[in-house]
Amino acid sequence: MCRHYWDPTPQQYLVSRPSAIECSPASSPTPLTISVILKVISYQHIESTTRMFDDDVIGDSKKQKWIQDMADMHARECNFYSTFGKLGVIPLAECYYTQELCADTRASGIIILEDLTQRAYMDRLEEGLSKQKVENIVKYIAAFHKFVICTEDRKELVKNFKELPFDYKDNKKEGEELIER
């Protein structure tokens, strides 16, 4: 039995502050409280992001593609944690739960992750990163790519991943037009 101490009403794409969950496992009479990060993405929020654009910049067909692209990106993130989270190739927050967006029911997409704030620190990116921190990031990205490229089960490992929805060539002109405005 778990009681959740956050408002699950998805009104926007958010990464919540750490939230407490109190669980009473069947084997333990004592409740266990853990802190998690809750990421929620809703169709309503995705649709609201399209309102940033003037209709002459992004028409209805492009808005629908935008909504689908955002849903696909969330599905990729869910698949990433489901596929690579337990392999130990790179350090990742533990993923406790994923739920993809559902077009039929318009159910929100949800990811519940381990809260790393007690044992990790994130620098202010606008201040830049030290050479050592950049080298560490590159080291882990390289290790991840090496694993994916060199594993014998590569096709099985990546079968649930669609191509990225954005094509640089198609979006370059649109991006330049938005920057000019």
Foldseek 3Di string as FASTA:
>chain_A
DKDWDDDPPDPAFDWDDWTWMWDADPVHNDTDIATKIKTKHFLNHLLVVVVVDDCVLAPPVNSVLSSVLVLLVLQQVVLCCVQPVPVPLADDWHWDDWDGQDPVVRDMTMTITHDCPVPDDDDDPVVPDDPVVVVVVVVSVVSVVCCLVPDPCNCVSCVSRDPRSDDCVVCVVSVVVVVVD
